[in-house]
N, C-alpha and C. Protein backbone atom coordinates (compact mmCIF):
# COMPACT_ATOMS: atom_id res chain seq x y z
N MET A 1 22.49 177.81 159.80
CA MET A 1 23.57 178.71 160.21
C MET A 1 24.69 178.40 160.71
N ASN A 2 25.97 178.20 159.99
CA ASN A 2 26.85 177.90 160.86
C ASN A 2 27.46 179.00 161.97
N GLY A 3 28.01 178.69 162.88
CA GLY A 3 28.59 179.79 164.26
C GLY A 3 27.41 180.26 164.78
N PRO A 4 27.95 180.99 165.97
CA PRO A 4 27.05 181.56 167.32
C PRO A 4 26.27 182.49 166.03
N PRO A 5 24.92 182.61 167.07
CA PRO A 5 24.06 183.96 166.81
C PRO A 5 24.89 185.16 166.48
N GLY A 6 24.38 185.85 165.59
CA GLY A 6 24.92 187.58 165.18
C GLY A 6 26.21 187.10 164.45
N ARG A 7 26.92 186.47 164.27
CA ARG A 7 28.08 186.11 163.34
C ARG A 7 27.63 186.42 161.72
N LEU A 8 26.80 185.49 161.59
CA LEU A 8 26.14 185.58 160.04
C LEU A 8 26.53 187.58 159.66
N ALA A 9 25.15 187.93 160.46
CA ALA A 9 25.07 189.70 160.14
C ALA A 9 26.21 190.14 160.33
N GLN A 10 27.41 189.95 161.21
CA GLN A 10 28.66 190.53 161.41
C GLN A 10 29.51 190.62 160.20
N THR A 11 29.31 189.11 159.40
CA THR A 11 30.17 188.61 158.15
C THR A 11 29.61 189.24 157.30
N VAL A 12 28.61 189.54 157.30
CA VAL A 12 27.91 190.58 156.05
C VAL A 12 28.79 191.36 156.43
N GLU A 13 28.18 192.42 157.67
CA GLU A 13 28.64 193.50 157.71
C GLU A 13 30.26 193.58 157.21
N PHE A 14 31.19 193.05 157.91
CA PHE A 14 32.37 193.12 157.69
C PHE A 14 32.92 192.86 156.15
N ARG A 15 32.32 191.80 155.20
CA ARG A 15 32.42 191.83 154.13
C ARG A 15 32.16 192.82 153.16
N ASP A 16 30.95 193.39 153.29
CA ASP A 16 30.98 194.91 152.86
C ASP A 16 32.06 195.99 152.64
N MET A 17 33.01 195.63 153.89
CA MET A 17 34.20 196.76 154.10
C MET A 17 35.00 196.18 153.50
N ALA A 18 35.14 194.36 153.43
CA ALA A 18 36.42 194.44 152.94
C ALA A 18 37.16 195.04 151.19
N GLU A 19 36.05 195.39 150.92
CA GLU A 19 37.34 195.63 149.26
C GLU A 19 37.58 196.53 149.48
N SER A 20 37.57 197.42 150.60
CA SER A 20 37.85 198.85 150.49
C SER A 20 38.69 198.88 151.93
N SER A 21 39.21 197.56 152.15
CA SER A 21 39.68 197.18 153.98
C SER A 21 41.43 198.53 153.57
N ILE A 22 42.08 198.44 154.72
CA ILE A 22 43.12 199.37 154.40
C ILE A 22 44.24 198.44 153.72
N PHE A 23 44.29 197.46 153.97
CA PHE A 23 45.60 196.16 153.26
C PHE A 23 44.99 196.35 152.20
N THR A 24 44.07 196.32 151.32
CA THR A 24 43.73 196.19 149.90
C THR A 24 44.47 197.72 149.33
N ARG A 25 43.95 198.90 150.32
CA ARG A 25 44.36 200.08 149.54
C ARG A 25 46.07 200.13 149.64
N ILE A 26 46.18 199.71 150.82
CA ILE A 26 48.00 199.68 150.67
C ILE A 26 49.08 198.74 149.68
N LEU A 27 48.19 197.59 149.28
CA LEU A 27 48.61 196.68 148.35
C LEU A 27 48.07 197.52 146.84
N ALA A 28 47.46 198.09 146.91
CA ALA A 28 47.18 198.81 145.65
C ALA A 28 48.27 200.20 145.08
N GLY A 29 48.56 200.93 146.69
CA GLY A 29 49.08 202.04 146.46
C GLY A 29 48.42 202.66 146.49
N ASP A 30 47.31 202.59 146.78
CA ASP A 30 46.83 204.16 147.38
C ASP A 30 47.05 204.86 147.92
N ILE A 31 47.56 203.84 149.22
CA ILE A 31 47.92 204.73 150.41
C ILE A 31 49.25 203.87 150.42
N PRO A 32 50.08 205.24 151.48
CA PRO A 32 51.22 204.59 151.84
C PRO A 32 51.46 203.57 152.45
N GLY A 33 52.80 202.75 152.63
CA GLY A 33 52.39 201.57 153.41
C GLY A 33 54.04 200.72 153.41
N GLU A 34 55.05 200.61 154.30
CA GLU A 34 56.15 200.18 154.12
C GLU A 34 56.06 198.38 153.95
N VAL A 35 55.95 197.73 152.53
CA VAL A 35 56.06 195.88 152.76
C VAL A 35 56.86 195.68 153.04
N LEU A 36 57.28 195.11 154.03
CA LEU A 36 58.88 194.07 154.50
C LEU A 36 58.88 193.20 153.52
N HIS A 37 57.79 192.42 153.41
CA HIS A 37 58.25 191.16 152.75
C HIS A 37 56.91 191.00 151.64
N GLU A 38 57.50 190.31 150.42
CA GLU A 38 56.35 190.24 149.84
C GLU A 38 56.23 188.77 148.93
N THR A 39 55.66 188.13 148.94
CA THR A 39 55.44 186.60 147.79
C THR A 39 54.38 186.89 147.16
N ASP A 40 54.10 185.76 146.04
CA ASP A 40 53.01 186.37 144.94
C ASP A 40 51.20 186.06 145.54
N ARG A 41 51.66 185.49 147.05
CA ARG A 41 50.30 185.64 147.55
C ARG A 41 49.80 186.14 148.98
N VAL A 42 51.23 186.99 149.63
CA VAL A 42 51.58 187.46 151.04
C VAL A 42 52.15 188.39 151.07
N PHE A 43 51.73 189.58 151.65
CA PHE A 43 52.65 190.16 152.04
C PHE A 43 52.77 190.92 153.79
N VAL A 44 53.47 191.55 153.87
CA VAL A 44 53.92 191.73 155.23
C VAL A 44 54.03 193.03 155.60
N LEU A 45 53.44 194.30 156.36
CA LEU A 45 53.65 195.32 156.92
C LEU A 45 54.02 195.43 158.81
N ARG A 46 54.31 196.31 159.08
CA ARG A 46 54.46 196.46 160.57
C ARG A 46 53.02 197.08 160.91
N ASP A 47 52.75 196.62 162.45
CA ASP A 47 51.09 197.14 162.85
C ASP A 47 51.37 198.48 163.15
N ILE A 48 50.60 199.23 163.10
CA ILE A 48 50.69 200.92 163.49
C ILE A 48 50.46 200.92 164.79
N ALA A 49 50.21 200.31 165.64
CA ALA A 49 49.69 200.22 166.87
C ALA A 49 50.61 198.47 167.81
N PRO A 50 51.64 198.70 167.78
CA PRO A 50 52.04 197.88 168.09
C PRO A 50 52.00 197.06 169.63
N LYS A 51 51.99 195.65 169.96
CA LYS A 51 51.80 195.33 171.44
C LYS A 51 53.20 194.73 171.33
N ALA A 52 54.02 195.03 171.11
CA ALA A 52 55.04 193.84 171.13
C ALA A 52 56.19 194.62 170.61
N PRO A 53 57.71 194.74 171.24
CA PRO A 53 58.47 195.40 169.95
C PRO A 53 58.81 194.72 168.97
N VAL A 54 58.43 193.62 168.45
CA VAL A 54 58.21 193.56 167.11
C VAL A 54 56.63 193.10 166.79
N HIS A 55 55.96 193.71 166.06
CA HIS A 55 54.61 193.17 165.80
C HIS A 55 54.55 193.55 164.25
N LEU A 56 54.58 192.40 163.66
CA LEU A 56 54.12 192.88 161.85
C LEU A 56 53.01 191.89 161.80
N LEU A 57 52.13 192.34 160.57
CA LEU A 57 51.20 191.64 159.99
C LEU A 57 51.54 190.97 158.97
N VAL A 58 50.30 189.56 158.94
CA VAL A 58 51.20 188.74 157.46
C VAL A 58 49.92 188.94 157.06
N ILE A 59 49.64 189.07 155.63
CA ILE A 59 48.27 189.55 155.14
C ILE A 59 48.34 189.00 153.42
N PRO A 60 46.89 187.81 153.42
CA PRO A 60 46.98 187.65 151.96
C PRO A 60 46.88 188.78 150.84
N LYS A 61 47.07 188.75 149.74
CA LYS A 61 46.58 189.68 148.89
C LYS A 61 45.46 189.54 148.73
N THR A 62 44.72 188.40 148.37
CA THR A 62 43.09 188.21 148.69
C THR A 62 42.36 188.80 149.21
N ALA A 63 41.36 189.42 148.81
CA ALA A 63 40.69 190.23 150.47
C ALA A 63 39.39 189.29 150.22
N GLU A 64 39.51 188.24 150.00
CA GLU A 64 38.05 187.13 149.94
C GLU A 64 37.59 186.62 151.11
N TYR A 65 38.64 186.59 152.41
CA TYR A 65 38.35 185.84 153.47
C TYR A 65 38.28 186.83 154.50
N ILE A 66 37.69 187.01 155.01
CA ILE A 66 37.61 188.20 156.27
C ILE A 66 38.56 187.47 157.64
N ASP A 67 38.09 186.08 157.58
CA ASP A 67 38.88 185.30 158.68
C ASP A 67 39.70 184.55 158.68
N VAL A 68 40.26 183.72 159.77
CA VAL A 68 41.54 182.73 159.65
C VAL A 68 40.39 181.53 159.58
N VAL A 69 38.94 181.68 159.98
CA VAL A 69 38.04 180.42 159.43
C VAL A 69 37.76 180.12 158.04
N ALA A 70 37.65 181.43 157.86
CA ALA A 70 37.18 181.05 156.11
C ALA A 70 38.38 180.83 155.32
N LEU A 71 39.19 181.69 155.80
CA LEU A 71 40.56 181.06 154.76
C LEU A 71 40.86 179.51 155.30
N ALA A 72 40.79 179.07 156.23
CA ALA A 72 41.25 177.59 156.42
C ALA A 72 40.30 176.61 155.81
N ALA A 73 39.15 177.06 155.82
CA ALA A 73 38.37 176.14 155.50
C ALA A 73 38.04 176.31 153.49
N ALA A 74 38.24 177.37 153.00
CA ALA A 74 38.79 177.27 151.85
C ALA A 74 39.82 177.45 150.87
N GLU A 75 41.43 177.67 151.83
CA GLU A 75 42.33 177.58 150.91
C GLU A 75 43.72 177.38 152.08
N PRO A 76 43.40 176.33 152.83
CA PRO A 76 44.43 175.89 153.40
C PRO A 76 45.79 175.97 153.33
N ASP A 77 46.40 175.80 152.09
CA ASP A 77 47.63 175.83 151.75
C ASP A 77 48.13 177.45 151.58
N LEU A 78 47.07 178.27 151.37
CA LEU A 78 47.20 179.91 151.92
C LEU A 78 47.59 180.14 153.27
N LEU A 79 46.75 179.59 154.23
CA LEU A 79 47.10 179.93 154.97
C LEU A 79 48.12 179.29 155.86
N ALA A 80 48.77 178.02 155.24
CA ALA A 80 49.98 177.95 155.55
C ALA A 80 51.20 178.39 154.98
N GLU A 81 51.21 178.76 154.11
CA GLU A 81 52.08 180.07 153.57
C GLU A 81 52.07 181.38 154.30
N MET A 82 50.94 181.52 155.04
CA MET A 82 50.80 182.49 155.91
C MET A 82 51.40 182.19 157.10
N ILE A 83 51.79 181.10 157.52
CA ILE A 83 52.36 180.61 158.64
C ILE A 83 53.78 180.68 158.61
N GLU A 84 54.20 180.50 157.11
CA GLU A 84 55.58 180.20 156.64
C GLU A 84 56.66 181.52 156.82
N VAL A 85 55.58 182.45 156.20
CA VAL A 85 56.14 183.77 156.37
C VAL A 85 56.30 184.40 157.34
N ALA A 86 55.45 183.92 158.51
CA ALA A 86 55.50 184.66 159.90
C ALA A 86 56.91 183.99 160.67
N SER A 87 57.00 182.68 160.40
CA SER A 87 58.21 182.37 160.65
C SER A 87 59.44 182.71 160.37
N LEU A 88 59.43 183.15 158.80
CA LEU A 88 60.37 184.03 158.14
C LEU A 88 60.81 185.19 159.01
N MET A 89 59.61 185.55 158.94
CA MET A 89 60.14 187.16 159.50
C MET A 89 60.24 187.40 161.18
N ALA A 90 59.62 186.29 161.93
CA ALA A 90 60.48 186.19 163.13
C ALA A 90 61.73 185.87 162.90
N THR A 91 62.24 185.62 162.44
CA THR A 91 63.98 184.93 162.16
C THR A 91 64.62 186.19 161.54
N VAL A 92 63.93 187.06 160.75
CA VAL A 92 64.37 187.87 160.31
C VAL A 92 64.66 189.38 161.11
N HIS A 93 63.50 189.71 161.73
CA HIS A 93 63.23 190.79 162.79
C HIS A 93 63.50 190.32 164.12
N ALA A 94 63.48 189.40 164.57
CA ALA A 94 64.00 188.61 165.82
C ALA A 94 64.66 187.42 165.99
N ASP A 95 64.27 186.88 167.21
CA ASP A 95 64.95 185.61 167.91
C ASP A 95 64.78 184.12 166.48
N GLY A 96 63.90 184.62 166.21
CA GLY A 96 62.94 183.10 165.91
C GLY A 96 61.89 182.79 166.44
N ASP A 97 61.71 182.78 167.73
CA ASP A 97 60.37 182.55 168.81
C ASP A 97 59.41 183.44 168.51
N PHE A 98 58.12 183.21 168.50
CA PHE A 98 57.31 184.77 167.91
C PHE A 98 55.88 184.01 168.64
N ARG A 99 54.83 184.68 168.54
CA ARG A 99 53.53 184.82 168.92
C ARG A 99 53.15 184.73 167.98
N LEU A 100 52.01 184.30 167.63
CA LEU A 100 51.37 183.93 166.15
C LEU A 100 49.20 184.35 166.40
N VAL A 101 48.78 185.26 166.08
CA VAL A 101 47.87 185.59 166.65
C VAL A 101 46.82 186.18 165.44
N PHE A 102 45.29 185.20 165.39
CA PHE A 102 44.74 185.68 164.62
C PHE A 102 43.51 186.59 165.26
N ASN A 103 42.73 187.73 165.12
CA ASN A 103 41.64 187.63 165.44
C ASN A 103 40.44 187.63 164.93
N THR A 104 39.65 186.74 165.27
CA THR A 104 38.30 186.64 164.66
C THR A 104 37.03 187.14 165.03
N GLY A 105 36.62 188.38 164.46
CA GLY A 105 35.67 188.92 164.63
C GLY A 105 35.88 190.03 165.24
N MET A 106 34.64 191.05 165.68
CA MET A 106 35.13 192.34 166.14
C MET A 106 34.80 192.32 167.37
N GLY A 107 33.81 190.94 167.76
CA GLY A 107 34.18 191.09 169.61
C GLY A 107 35.81 190.22 170.06
N ALA A 108 36.39 190.06 168.83
CA ALA A 108 37.74 189.30 169.41
C ALA A 108 38.56 190.40 169.22
N GLY A 109 38.20 192.01 168.85
CA GLY A 109 39.23 193.02 168.08
C GLY A 109 39.69 192.89 166.99
N GLN A 110 39.05 192.57 166.14
CA GLN A 110 39.66 192.38 164.73
C GLN A 110 38.70 193.57 164.14
N THR A 111 39.22 194.45 163.44
CA THR A 111 39.07 196.00 163.12
C THR A 111 39.37 196.06 161.31
N VAL A 112 39.85 195.30 161.26
CA VAL A 112 40.15 195.04 159.27
C VAL A 112 39.32 194.19 159.40
N PRO A 113 38.33 194.14 158.35
CA PRO A 113 37.66 192.99 157.28
C PRO A 113 38.49 192.34 156.77
N HIS A 114 39.71 191.67 156.68
CA HIS A 114 40.76 191.25 155.64
C HIS A 114 41.39 190.07 156.65
N VAL A 115 41.73 189.02 156.51
CA VAL A 115 42.18 188.12 157.41
C VAL A 115 43.97 188.90 157.65
N HIS A 116 44.26 188.40 158.46
CA HIS A 116 45.47 188.70 158.80
C HIS A 116 46.33 188.20 160.13
N ALA A 117 47.15 187.68 160.05
CA ALA A 117 48.02 187.46 161.30
C ALA A 117 49.14 188.22 161.58
N HIS A 118 48.62 188.62 163.34
CA HIS A 118 49.63 189.15 164.14
C HIS A 118 50.96 188.46 164.59
N VAL A 119 52.22 188.71 164.03
CA VAL A 119 53.26 187.97 164.76
C VAL A 119 54.19 189.07 165.42
N MET A 120 54.13 188.60 166.65
CA MET A 120 54.78 189.20 167.71
C MET A 120 55.90 188.70 168.30
N ALA A 121 56.99 189.42 168.88
CA ALA A 121 58.20 189.10 168.95
C ALA A 121 59.54 189.80 170.04
N HIS A 122 60.30 189.33 170.13
CA HIS A 122 61.18 190.72 170.65
C HIS A 122 62.50 190.54 169.60
N PRO A 123 62.98 191.77 169.57
CA PRO A 123 64.08 191.85 168.57
C PRO A 123 65.43 190.48 169.55
N GLN A 124 66.23 190.18 168.75
CA GLN A 124 67.30 189.60 169.20
C GLN A 124 68.38 189.79 170.46
N GLY A 125 68.31 189.32 171.33
CA GLY A 125 69.02 189.77 172.30
C GLY A 125 68.29 190.59 173.45
N ALA A 126 67.17 190.83 173.28
CA ALA A 126 66.01 191.55 174.33
C ALA A 126 65.72 191.01 175.59
N ASP A 127 65.36 191.25 176.20
CA ASP A 127 64.60 190.77 177.56
C ASP A 127 63.04 190.32 177.41
N SER A 128 63.13 189.15 177.18
CA SER A 128 61.86 188.44 176.38
C SER A 128 60.46 188.95 177.55
N HIS A 129 60.90 189.21 178.90
CA HIS A 129 59.70 189.36 180.43
C HIS A 129 59.94 190.69 180.05
N ALA A 130 60.59 191.47 179.55
CA ALA A 130 60.38 192.93 179.94
C ALA A 130 59.09 193.80 179.55
N ASP A 131 58.78 193.46 178.50
CA ASP A 131 57.04 193.87 178.01
C ASP A 131 56.15 193.02 178.02
N GLY A 132 56.24 191.88 179.18
CA GLY A 132 55.05 191.54 179.24
C GLY A 132 54.81 191.02 177.81
N LEU A 133 55.74 190.29 177.47
CA LEU A 133 54.97 189.33 176.16
C LEU A 133 55.73 188.15 176.76
N THR A 134 54.59 187.79 177.79
CA THR A 134 55.23 186.32 178.12
C THR A 134 53.70 185.29 178.30
N GLU A 135 54.18 183.80 178.06
CA GLU A 135 53.23 183.31 178.16
C GLU A 135 51.45 183.43 179.39
N GLY A 136 50.18 183.11 178.43
CA GLY A 136 49.31 183.83 179.55
C GLY A 136 49.46 185.11 179.31
N SER A 137 50.05 186.14 178.79
CA SER A 137 49.66 187.35 178.40
C SER A 137 49.23 187.75 176.82
N LEU A 138 49.10 189.09 177.02
CA LEU A 138 48.07 189.34 175.55
C LEU A 138 49.57 190.12 175.19
N GLY A 139 50.80 190.64 175.19
CA GLY A 139 51.62 191.40 175.34
C GLY A 139 51.32 193.03 174.87
N ASP A 140 51.28 193.85 175.95
CA ASP A 140 50.66 194.90 176.26
C ASP A 140 51.54 196.12 176.46
N ALA A 141 53.10 195.50 175.33
CA ALA A 141 54.21 196.75 175.03
C ALA A 141 53.83 198.15 174.19
């Protein structure tokens, strides 16, 4: 078995939930959600519980990958596209500087069993130290 003990069971439990993740349902139009940007394989939403003034989610359209580890192993080109879109969104919605976070596993705070990247940044011209999004912080805005 790869990974730490318990990870396989957690992955199986998460995988069972992935088919009907909130991201899959938004993409299908089953529940409302504002798509800020979209490519053939990736889409972007605002985080509903932001931890920074700009907090976006970059999500692959496929629900096949639960976390970034699985995605990187299977489709590194899709991961690269997610990072490219994250950079674009930071340029469009902020000053181009951004923090990119992938929560991997329930113990790390991953609550949706569908790989996604958190893009956190400051709006253009904002005081980057005013809300805690600084080196060494987790951004508790």
